[in-house]
Each structure stands twice: as structure tokens, then as C-alpha cells.
Amino acid sequence: MERLQRFLQGSVHGKLVSFREGRAPHVVMVRFYRRPSDPSLYIRTLRHSVKVRNIRRYPQVTLIVDQVDQETAPEPGFIRIESAIIEGECEVIESIADLPEDLFALLFSEVATTPDSPQAAQLKASRVVLKITPQRVRYQRGKIREEIEEKQ
């Protein structure tokens, strides 16, 4: 579990899988945020995005976080990979104004200084926050064979 925490602490991007009507998967790249003492993961996004519509209909999601390291490959022809698959329930937080101050700072500090700033007013109209509460987490590290293309 300690390795997983270190891995997630060093990661900020992943693939979020939500489900369309009929349960077809919808996969998008996202930037996620974590608070040190909070197991939840947070994503800021546009209020009217496809993922938000999907989550409102069916709140179960999967977040996949991968890191591939070709520099420290264990042997030629292989790459090292580390991966976490986080399944959980996702809540849409509609009101950015209701976020705790530390969470607002974590999510929006690069675009708005305080929840009362003029920039924050624009964000409140167009953004929501997704809160993923993990229910099942799978973590793996290992090596996989690198596909080598033959030059023609």
C-alpha cells in the first residue's frame, strides 16, 4: 500500500472511464488532484462535459494511472511499467464556492487566488469538481516486452 501511495503522489494524469447510456465506456485523459490525508481523488472539469453527463446518470467510474519507464528497463526488449486501476463512485460537486479552502487552493490556485476573486466567479459558472471515492484499487509493477518494429 505504501508503494501505491508513493506512486499516486508522483502522478497527476490518468484516464477516466465513465459510462454512456447503454454502458459503452467513454475514456478521457484527466489531471487529478489528491490531498495528503484524503483517500478521494479530485478532477476539475467543464460543467457540461460528456463525462459529467455520464456520471450524473451512472456514478461508477474507473481511473487508470500508468507510468512507463524505458530508461531503467530491467533488460533489453522490455520496459518497466507501474499501474493503478481505481474503481469507485464519483460525485459531481456543483458549487465550487462550497469547497473547503485547502481543496479550492489545490484545484484552482493557478487560475484563481481565492474563492471570492473575479476569476473564481467565472469558474463557478463553467466548472464543477468530480470527487472519486475509491472502492477498489489494484496496483501492479512489472515489466512488459516492448514491441519492436522492423525497419523496412
N, C-alpha and C. Protein backbone atom coordinates (compact mmCIF):
# COMPACT_ATOMS: atom_id res chain seq x y z
N MET A 1 0.81 -1.20 0.00
CA MET A 1 0.00 0.00 0.00
C MET A 1 0.86 1.26 0.00
N GLU A 2 2.02 1.18 0.65
CA GLU A 2 2.92 2.32 0.70
C GLU A 2 3.44 2.67 -0.70
N ARG A 3 3.76 1.64 -1.49
CA ARG A 3 4.22 1.88 -2.87
C ARG A 3 3.13 2.56 -3.69
N LEU A 4 1.90 2.11 -3.51
CA LEU A 4 0.77 2.72 -4.23
C LEU A 4 0.66 4.19 -3.86
N GLN A 5 0.75 4.53 -2.59
CA GLN A 5 0.64 5.92 -2.17
C GLN A 5 1.76 6.77 -2.77
N ARG A 6 2.98 6.25 -2.76
CA ARG A 6 4.11 6.97 -3.38
C ARG A 6 3.88 7.15 -4.87
N PHE A 7 3.40 6.09 -5.52
CA PHE A 7 3.14 6.14 -6.95
C PHE A 7 2.10 7.21 -7.27
N LEU A 8 0.99 7.20 -6.55
CA LEU A 8 -0.07 8.19 -6.81
C LEU A 8 0.38 9.60 -6.45
N GLN A 9 1.22 9.73 -5.43
CA GLN A 9 1.71 11.05 -5.04
C GLN A 9 2.52 11.67 -6.18
N GLY A 10 3.24 10.84 -6.91
CA GLY A 10 4.06 11.34 -8.01
C GLY A 10 3.33 11.42 -9.34
N SER A 11 2.06 11.07 -9.35
CA SER A 11 1.28 11.06 -10.59
C SER A 11 0.23 12.15 -10.56
N VAL A 12 -0.07 12.70 -11.71
CA VAL A 12 -1.13 13.70 -11.79
C VAL A 12 -2.07 13.48 -12.97
N HIS A 13 -1.71 12.61 -13.88
CA HIS A 13 -2.55 12.37 -15.06
C HIS A 13 -3.02 10.92 -15.10
N GLY A 14 -4.19 10.75 -15.64
CA GLY A 14 -4.73 9.41 -15.78
C GLY A 14 -5.82 9.38 -16.85
N LYS A 15 -6.40 8.22 -17.00
CA LYS A 15 -7.51 8.04 -17.94
C LYS A 15 -8.76 7.74 -17.12
N LEU A 16 -9.78 8.58 -17.29
CA LEU A 16 -11.03 8.40 -16.57
C LEU A 16 -12.01 7.69 -17.48
N VAL A 17 -12.57 6.60 -16.97
CA VAL A 17 -13.58 5.84 -17.72
C VAL A 17 -14.92 6.09 -17.05
N SER A 18 -15.83 6.72 -17.80
CA SER A 18 -17.22 6.85 -17.36
C SER A 18 -18.04 6.05 -18.37
N PHE A 19 -19.32 5.95 -18.12
CA PHE A 19 -20.13 5.07 -18.97
C PHE A 19 -21.31 5.82 -19.57
N ARG A 20 -21.41 5.71 -20.89
CA ARG A 20 -22.52 6.34 -21.62
C ARG A 20 -23.80 5.57 -21.36
N GLU A 21 -24.88 6.15 -21.83
CA GLU A 21 -26.16 5.43 -21.77
C GLU A 21 -25.97 4.13 -22.52
N GLY A 22 -26.41 3.02 -21.98
CA GLY A 22 -26.17 1.72 -22.60
C GLY A 22 -24.88 1.09 -22.12
N ARG A 23 -24.13 1.79 -21.26
CA ARG A 23 -22.90 1.31 -20.61
C ARG A 23 -21.68 1.21 -21.54
N ALA A 24 -21.70 1.87 -22.68
CA ALA A 24 -20.49 1.92 -23.51
C ALA A 24 -19.47 2.81 -22.80
N PRO A 25 -18.21 2.40 -22.72
CA PRO A 25 -17.22 3.22 -22.00
C PRO A 25 -16.86 4.49 -22.75
N HIS A 26 -16.60 5.54 -22.00
CA HIS A 26 -16.12 6.82 -22.53
C HIS A 26 -14.83 7.11 -21.77
N VAL A 27 -13.71 7.18 -22.48
CA VAL A 27 -12.39 7.33 -21.85
C VAL A 27 -11.80 8.68 -22.23
N VAL A 28 -11.36 9.43 -21.21
CA VAL A 28 -10.73 10.73 -21.45
C VAL A 28 -9.51 10.88 -20.54
N MET A 29 -8.53 11.61 -21.03
CA MET A 29 -7.37 11.96 -20.22
C MET A 29 -7.78 13.04 -19.23
N VAL A 30 -7.32 12.92 -17.99
CA VAL A 30 -7.65 13.92 -16.97
C VAL A 30 -6.42 14.21 -16.11
N ARG A 31 -6.46 15.34 -15.48
CA ARG A 31 -5.49 15.66 -14.44
C ARG A 31 -6.24 15.50 -13.12
N PHE A 32 -5.65 14.77 -12.19
CA PHE A 32 -6.33 14.57 -10.91
C PHE A 32 -5.48 15.14 -9.78
N TYR A 33 -6.15 15.40 -8.68
CA TYR A 33 -5.51 16.02 -7.53
C TYR A 33 -5.81 15.19 -6.29
N ARG A 34 -4.87 15.20 -5.34
CA ARG A 34 -5.03 14.47 -4.07
C ARG A 34 -4.65 15.36 -2.91
N ARG A 35 -5.35 15.17 -1.80
CA ARG A 35 -4.96 15.81 -0.54
C ARG A 35 -4.26 14.74 0.29
N PRO A 36 -3.23 15.08 1.04
CA PRO A 36 -2.43 14.07 1.75
C PRO A 36 -3.24 13.14 2.66
N SER A 37 -4.21 13.64 3.38
CA SER A 37 -4.92 12.79 4.35
C SER A 37 -6.29 12.33 3.84
N ASP A 38 -6.53 12.47 2.55
CA ASP A 38 -7.85 12.18 1.98
C ASP A 38 -7.70 11.10 0.92
N PRO A 39 -8.41 9.98 1.03
CA PRO A 39 -8.30 8.92 0.02
C PRO A 39 -8.98 9.27 -1.31
N SER A 40 -9.82 10.31 -1.30
CA SER A 40 -10.54 10.68 -2.52
C SER A 40 -9.61 11.34 -3.53
N LEU A 41 -10.01 11.27 -4.79
CA LEU A 41 -9.30 11.91 -5.89
C LEU A 41 -10.23 12.96 -6.48
N TYR A 42 -9.67 14.09 -6.90
CA TYR A 42 -10.48 15.20 -7.39
C TYR A 42 -10.06 15.59 -8.80
N ILE A 43 -11.05 15.92 -9.61
CA ILE A 43 -10.82 16.33 -11.00
C ILE A 43 -11.67 17.57 -11.25
N ARG A 44 -11.07 18.61 -11.81
CA ARG A 44 -11.87 19.77 -12.20
C ARG A 44 -12.20 19.62 -13.69
N THR A 45 -13.40 20.02 -14.05
CA THR A 45 -13.82 19.82 -15.44
C THR A 45 -14.94 20.78 -15.80
N LEU A 46 -15.25 20.84 -17.07
CA LEU A 46 -16.34 21.69 -17.54
C LEU A 46 -17.68 21.11 -17.10
N ARG A 47 -18.56 21.98 -16.71
CA ARG A 47 -19.88 21.61 -16.19
C ARG A 47 -20.70 20.76 -17.16
N HIS A 48 -20.60 21.04 -18.46
CA HIS A 48 -21.44 20.36 -19.44
C HIS A 48 -20.68 19.33 -20.28
N SER A 49 -19.61 18.79 -19.74
CA SER A 49 -18.82 17.81 -20.49
C SER A 49 -19.54 16.46 -20.55
N VAL A 50 -19.13 15.63 -21.49
CA VAL A 50 -19.72 14.30 -21.65
C VAL A 50 -19.51 13.48 -20.38
N LYS A 51 -18.32 13.55 -19.80
CA LYS A 51 -18.06 12.75 -18.60
C LYS A 51 -18.99 13.14 -17.46
N VAL A 52 -19.28 14.42 -17.31
CA VAL A 52 -20.20 14.86 -16.25
C VAL A 52 -21.61 14.34 -16.52
N ARG A 53 -22.06 14.43 -17.75
CA ARG A 53 -23.39 13.88 -18.09
C ARG A 53 -23.44 12.38 -17.78
N ASN A 54 -22.37 11.67 -18.16
CA ASN A 54 -22.33 10.22 -17.89
C ASN A 54 -22.38 9.93 -16.38
N ILE A 55 -21.60 10.66 -15.61
CA ILE A 55 -21.50 10.42 -14.17
C ILE A 55 -22.82 10.76 -13.46
N ARG A 56 -23.50 11.77 -13.93
CA ARG A 56 -24.80 12.09 -13.33
C ARG A 56 -25.78 10.93 -13.53
N ARG A 57 -25.67 10.26 -14.65
CA ARG A 57 -26.56 9.14 -14.97
C ARG A 57 -26.13 7.87 -14.25
N TYR A 58 -24.81 7.63 -14.22
CA TYR A 58 -24.26 6.39 -13.65
C TYR A 58 -22.94 6.75 -12.97
N PRO A 59 -22.90 6.85 -11.65
CA PRO A 59 -21.74 7.41 -10.95
C PRO A 59 -20.53 6.48 -10.78
N GLN A 60 -20.59 5.25 -11.23
CA GLN A 60 -19.43 4.36 -11.12
C GLN A 60 -18.41 4.74 -12.20
N VAL A 61 -17.15 4.91 -11.79
CA VAL A 61 -16.08 5.27 -12.73
C VAL A 61 -14.84 4.43 -12.44
N THR A 62 -13.91 4.47 -13.38
CA THR A 62 -12.60 3.86 -13.20
C THR A 62 -11.56 4.89 -13.61
N LEU A 63 -10.53 5.06 -12.79
CA LEU A 63 -9.40 5.92 -13.12
C LEU A 63 -8.18 5.03 -13.27
N ILE A 64 -7.52 5.13 -14.42
CA ILE A 64 -6.34 4.32 -14.71
C ILE A 64 -5.13 5.25 -14.75
N VAL A 65 -4.14 4.93 -13.93
CA VAL A 65 -2.92 5.73 -13.87
C VAL A 65 -1.76 4.82 -14.22
N ASP A 66 -1.03 5.16 -15.28
CA ASP A 66 0.11 4.35 -15.74
C ASP A 66 1.36 5.22 -15.81
N GLN A 67 2.48 4.62 -15.53
CA GLN A 67 3.77 5.24 -15.79
C GLN A 67 4.66 4.21 -16.45
N VAL A 68 5.21 4.59 -17.59
CA VAL A 68 6.11 3.70 -18.32
C VAL A 68 7.51 4.29 -18.21
N ASP A 69 8.47 3.45 -17.86
CA ASP A 69 9.85 3.89 -17.69
C ASP A 69 10.73 3.05 -18.61
N GLN A 70 11.20 3.68 -19.67
CA GLN A 70 12.07 2.96 -20.61
C GLN A 70 13.54 3.11 -20.23
N GLU A 71 13.83 4.08 -19.37
CA GLU A 71 15.22 4.36 -19.00
C GLU A 71 15.81 3.28 -18.09
N THR A 72 15.00 2.74 -17.19
CA THR A 72 15.52 1.75 -16.24
C THR A 72 14.98 0.36 -16.57
N ALA A 73 14.92 0.05 -17.83
CA ALA A 73 14.41 -1.26 -18.26
C ALA A 73 15.26 -2.36 -17.64
N PRO A 74 14.61 -3.42 -17.15
CA PRO A 74 15.36 -4.50 -16.49
C PRO A 74 16.26 -5.28 -17.44
N GLU A 75 15.90 -5.29 -18.72
CA GLU A 75 16.72 -5.99 -19.71
C GLU A 75 16.31 -5.50 -21.10
N PRO A 76 17.15 -5.66 -22.10
CA PRO A 76 16.82 -5.19 -23.44
C PRO A 76 15.52 -5.83 -23.95
N GLY A 77 14.71 -5.02 -24.63
CA GLY A 77 13.46 -5.52 -25.19
C GLY A 77 12.28 -5.43 -24.23
N PHE A 78 12.52 -4.93 -23.02
CA PHE A 78 11.45 -4.80 -22.02
C PHE A 78 11.35 -3.35 -21.55
N ILE A 79 10.19 -2.98 -21.05
CA ILE A 79 10.02 -1.69 -20.40
C ILE A 79 9.41 -1.94 -19.02
N ARG A 80 9.71 -1.04 -18.10
CA ARG A 80 9.15 -1.14 -16.75
C ARG A 80 7.84 -0.35 -16.74
N ILE A 81 6.81 -0.91 -16.12
CA ILE A 81 5.51 -0.24 -16.05
C ILE A 81 4.97 -0.33 -14.63
N GLU A 82 4.32 0.73 -14.23
CA GLU A 82 3.66 0.79 -12.93
C GLU A 82 2.25 1.29 -13.21
N SER A 83 1.27 0.68 -12.58
CA SER A 83 -0.11 0.99 -12.92
C SER A 83 -1.02 0.87 -11.70
N ALA A 84 -1.99 1.78 -11.61
CA ALA A 84 -3.04 1.70 -10.60
C ALA A 84 -4.38 1.80 -11.31
N ILE A 85 -5.29 0.92 -10.96
CA ILE A 85 -6.65 0.95 -11.50
C ILE A 85 -7.57 1.18 -10.31
N ILE A 86 -8.21 2.34 -10.32
CA ILE A 86 -9.02 2.76 -9.18
C ILE A 86 -10.48 2.79 -9.61
N GLU A 87 -11.28 1.93 -9.00
CA GLU A 87 -12.71 1.90 -9.28
C GLU A 87 -13.43 2.56 -8.11
N GLY A 88 -14.44 3.35 -8.41
CA GLY A 88 -15.14 4.00 -7.31
C GLY A 88 -16.38 4.73 -7.75
N GLU A 89 -16.98 5.36 -6.77
CA GLU A 89 -18.17 6.16 -7.03
C GLU A 89 -17.74 7.61 -7.17
N CYS A 90 -18.34 8.29 -8.13
CA CYS A 90 -17.96 9.67 -8.41
C CYS A 90 -19.13 10.60 -8.12
N GLU A 91 -18.83 11.64 -7.39
CA GLU A 91 -19.82 12.65 -7.05
C GLU A 91 -19.49 13.92 -7.82
N VAL A 92 -20.50 14.59 -8.36
CA VAL A 92 -20.30 15.87 -9.03
C VAL A 92 -20.55 16.96 -7.99
N ILE A 93 -19.51 17.72 -7.68
CA ILE A 93 -19.65 18.85 -6.75
C ILE A 93 -19.97 20.07 -7.60
N GLU A 94 -21.21 20.50 -7.52
CA GLU A 94 -21.71 21.57 -8.39
C GLU A 94 -21.18 22.95 -8.01
N SER A 95 -21.06 23.21 -6.72
CA SER A 95 -20.72 24.55 -6.27
C SER A 95 -19.27 24.64 -5.81
N ILE A 96 -18.47 25.28 -6.62
CA ILE A 96 -17.06 25.48 -6.28
C ILE A 96 -16.95 26.34 -5.01
N ALA A 97 -17.93 27.21 -4.80
CA ALA A 97 -17.92 28.09 -3.62
C ALA A 97 -17.98 27.30 -2.32
N ASP A 98 -18.53 26.09 -2.36
CA ASP A 98 -18.67 25.28 -1.15
C ASP A 98 -17.44 24.43 -0.83
N LEU A 99 -16.42 24.48 -1.68
CA LEU A 99 -15.23 23.68 -1.43
C LEU A 99 -14.47 24.20 -0.22
N PRO A 100 -13.89 23.31 0.58
CA PRO A 100 -13.00 23.79 1.65
C PRO A 100 -11.85 24.59 1.04
N GLU A 101 -11.36 25.55 1.78
CA GLU A 101 -10.32 26.46 1.26
C GLU A 101 -9.09 25.72 0.73
N ASP A 102 -8.64 24.69 1.46
CA ASP A 102 -7.44 23.97 1.03
C ASP A 102 -7.70 23.21 -0.28
N LEU A 103 -8.90 22.70 -0.46
CA LEU A 103 -9.22 21.98 -1.70
C LEU A 103 -9.35 22.96 -2.86
N PHE A 104 -9.96 24.12 -2.63
CA PHE A 104 -10.04 25.15 -3.67
C PHE A 104 -8.63 25.53 -4.11
N ALA A 105 -7.74 25.76 -3.15
CA ALA A 105 -6.36 26.15 -3.47
C ALA A 105 -5.66 25.07 -4.28
N LEU A 106 -5.87 23.81 -3.90
CA LEU A 106 -5.24 22.70 -4.61
C LEU A 106 -5.72 22.64 -6.06
N LEU A 107 -7.01 22.81 -6.27
CA LEU A 107 -7.60 22.64 -7.60
C LEU A 107 -7.46 23.86 -8.50
N PHE A 108 -7.50 25.05 -7.92
CA PHE A 108 -7.63 26.25 -8.75
C PHE A 108 -6.57 27.32 -8.52
N SER A 109 -5.55 27.05 -7.72
CA SER A 109 -4.58 28.11 -7.37
C SER A 109 -3.89 28.72 -8.58
N GLU A 110 -3.74 27.96 -9.67
CA GLU A 110 -3.05 28.54 -10.83
C GLU A 110 -3.95 29.46 -11.65
N VAL A 111 -5.27 29.44 -11.40
CA VAL A 111 -6.18 30.30 -12.17
C VAL A 111 -6.99 31.28 -11.32
N ALA A 112 -7.07 31.05 -10.02
CA ALA A 112 -7.82 31.95 -9.14
C ALA A 112 -7.18 31.92 -7.76
N THR A 113 -6.99 33.09 -7.19
CA THR A 113 -6.30 33.16 -5.91
C THR A 113 -7.18 32.80 -4.72
N THR A 114 -8.43 33.22 -4.74
CA THR A 114 -9.36 32.92 -3.64
C THR A 114 -10.73 32.59 -4.21
N PRO A 115 -11.59 31.94 -3.43
CA PRO A 115 -12.94 31.64 -3.91
C PRO A 115 -13.76 32.89 -4.23
N ASP A 116 -13.34 34.05 -3.71
CA ASP A 116 -14.09 35.29 -3.94
C ASP A 116 -13.50 36.15 -5.06
N SER A 117 -12.44 35.71 -5.69
CA SER A 117 -11.78 36.51 -6.72
C SER A 117 -12.63 36.58 -7.99
N PRO A 118 -12.39 37.58 -8.85
CA PRO A 118 -13.14 37.68 -10.12
C PRO A 118 -12.95 36.44 -11.00
N GLN A 119 -11.75 35.87 -10.99
CA GLN A 119 -11.51 34.65 -11.78
C GLN A 119 -12.36 33.50 -11.27
N ALA A 120 -12.53 33.42 -9.96
CA ALA A 120 -13.33 32.34 -9.37
C ALA A 120 -14.79 32.46 -9.79
N ALA A 121 -15.28 33.68 -9.94
CA ALA A 121 -16.67 33.87 -10.38
C ALA A 121 -16.89 33.25 -11.75
N GLN A 122 -15.92 33.41 -12.64
CA GLN A 122 -16.02 32.80 -13.97
C GLN A 122 -15.98 31.27 -13.87
N LEU A 123 -15.11 30.77 -13.01
CA LEU A 123 -15.00 29.32 -12.83
C LEU A 123 -16.31 28.72 -12.31
N LYS A 124 -16.94 29.41 -11.38
CA LYS A 124 -18.17 28.91 -10.76
C LYS A 124 -19.26 28.68 -11.80
N ALA A 125 -19.27 29.50 -12.84
CA ALA A 125 -20.30 29.36 -13.87
C ALA A 125 -20.01 28.21 -14.82
N SER A 126 -18.75 27.89 -15.02
CA SER A 126 -18.41 26.92 -16.07
C SER A 126 -17.83 25.60 -15.58
N ARG A 127 -17.43 25.51 -14.32
CA ARG A 127 -16.71 24.33 -13.84
C ARG A 127 -17.45 23.62 -12.71
N VAL A 128 -17.17 22.33 -12.62
CA VAL A 128 -17.57 21.52 -11.48
C VAL A 128 -16.35 20.72 -11.05
N VAL A 129 -16.46 20.08 -9.91
CA VAL A 129 -15.39 19.22 -9.42
C VAL A 129 -15.94 17.81 -9.29
N LEU A 130 -15.18 16.85 -9.77
CA LEU A 130 -15.53 15.44 -9.61
C LEU A 130 -14.75 14.88 -8.42
N LYS A 131 -15.46 14.21 -7.54
CA LYS A 131 -14.82 13.60 -6.37
C LYS A 131 -14.99 12.09 -6.49
N ILE A 132 -13.88 11.39 -6.65
CA ILE A 132 -13.91 9.93 -6.76
C ILE A 132 -13.58 9.34 -5.39
N THR A 133 -14.49 8.54 -4.87
CA THR A 133 -14.26 7.81 -3.63
C THR A 133 -13.89 6.39 -4.00
N PRO A 134 -12.62 6.01 -3.82
CA PRO A 134 -12.18 4.67 -4.22
C PRO A 134 -12.92 3.57 -3.46
N GLN A 135 -13.35 2.55 -4.21
CA GLN A 135 -13.98 1.37 -3.61
C GLN A 135 -13.11 0.13 -3.81
N ARG A 136 -12.37 0.13 -4.90
CA ARG A 136 -11.47 -0.99 -5.21
C ARG A 136 -10.25 -0.42 -5.93
N VAL A 137 -9.07 -0.81 -5.46
CA VAL A 137 -7.83 -0.32 -6.07
C VAL A 137 -6.94 -1.51 -6.37
N ARG A 138 -6.47 -1.57 -7.60
CA ARG A 138 -5.50 -2.60 -7.98
C ARG A 138 -4.21 -1.89 -8.40
N TYR A 139 -3.11 -2.37 -7.90
CA TYR A 139 -1.81 -1.76 -8.19
C TYR A 139 -0.87 -2.85 -8.66
N GLN A 140 -0.10 -2.54 -9.68
CA GLN A 140 0.87 -3.52 -10.15
C GLN A 140 2.11 -2.83 -10.69
N ARG A 141 3.22 -3.51 -10.53
CA ARG A 141 4.50 -3.08 -11.08
C ARG A 141 5.09 -4.27 -11.80
N GLY A 142 5.80 -4.00 -12.84
CA GLY A 142 6.45 -5.11 -13.52
C GLY A 142 7.10 -4.67 -14.80
N LYS A 143 7.37 -5.64 -15.61
CA LYS A 143 7.99 -5.36 -16.90
C LYS A 143 7.14 -6.01 -17.98
N ILE A 144 7.14 -5.39 -19.13
CA ILE A 144 6.45 -5.98 -20.28
C ILE A 144 7.38 -5.89 -21.48
N ARG A 145 7.18 -6.81 -22.40
CA ARG A 145 8.01 -6.83 -23.61
C ARG A 145 7.63 -5.63 -24.48
N GLU A 146 8.65 -4.93 -24.92
CA GLU A 146 8.44 -3.79 -25.79
C GLU A 146 8.30 -4.30 -27.21
N GLU A 147 7.28 -3.81 -27.89
CA GLU A 147 7.10 -4.20 -29.30
C GLU A 147 8.12 -3.45 -30.14
N ILE A 148 8.91 -4.19 -30.87
CA ILE A 148 9.95 -3.59 -31.70
C ILE A 148 9.52 -3.70 -33.16
N GLU A 149 9.42 -2.52 -33.80
CA GLU A 149 9.01 -2.52 -35.20
C GLU A 149 10.23 -2.77 -36.08
N GLU A 150 10.04 -3.60 -37.06
CA GLU A 150 11.13 -3.85 -38.00
C GLU A 150 11.17 -2.71 -39.01
N LYS A 151 12.38 -2.25 -39.30
CA LYS A 151 12.54 -1.19 -40.29
C LYS A 151 12.51 -1.81 -41.67
N GLN A 152 11.76 -1.20 -42.54
CA GLN A 152 11.63 -1.70 -43.91
C GLN A 152 12.69 -1.11 -44.81
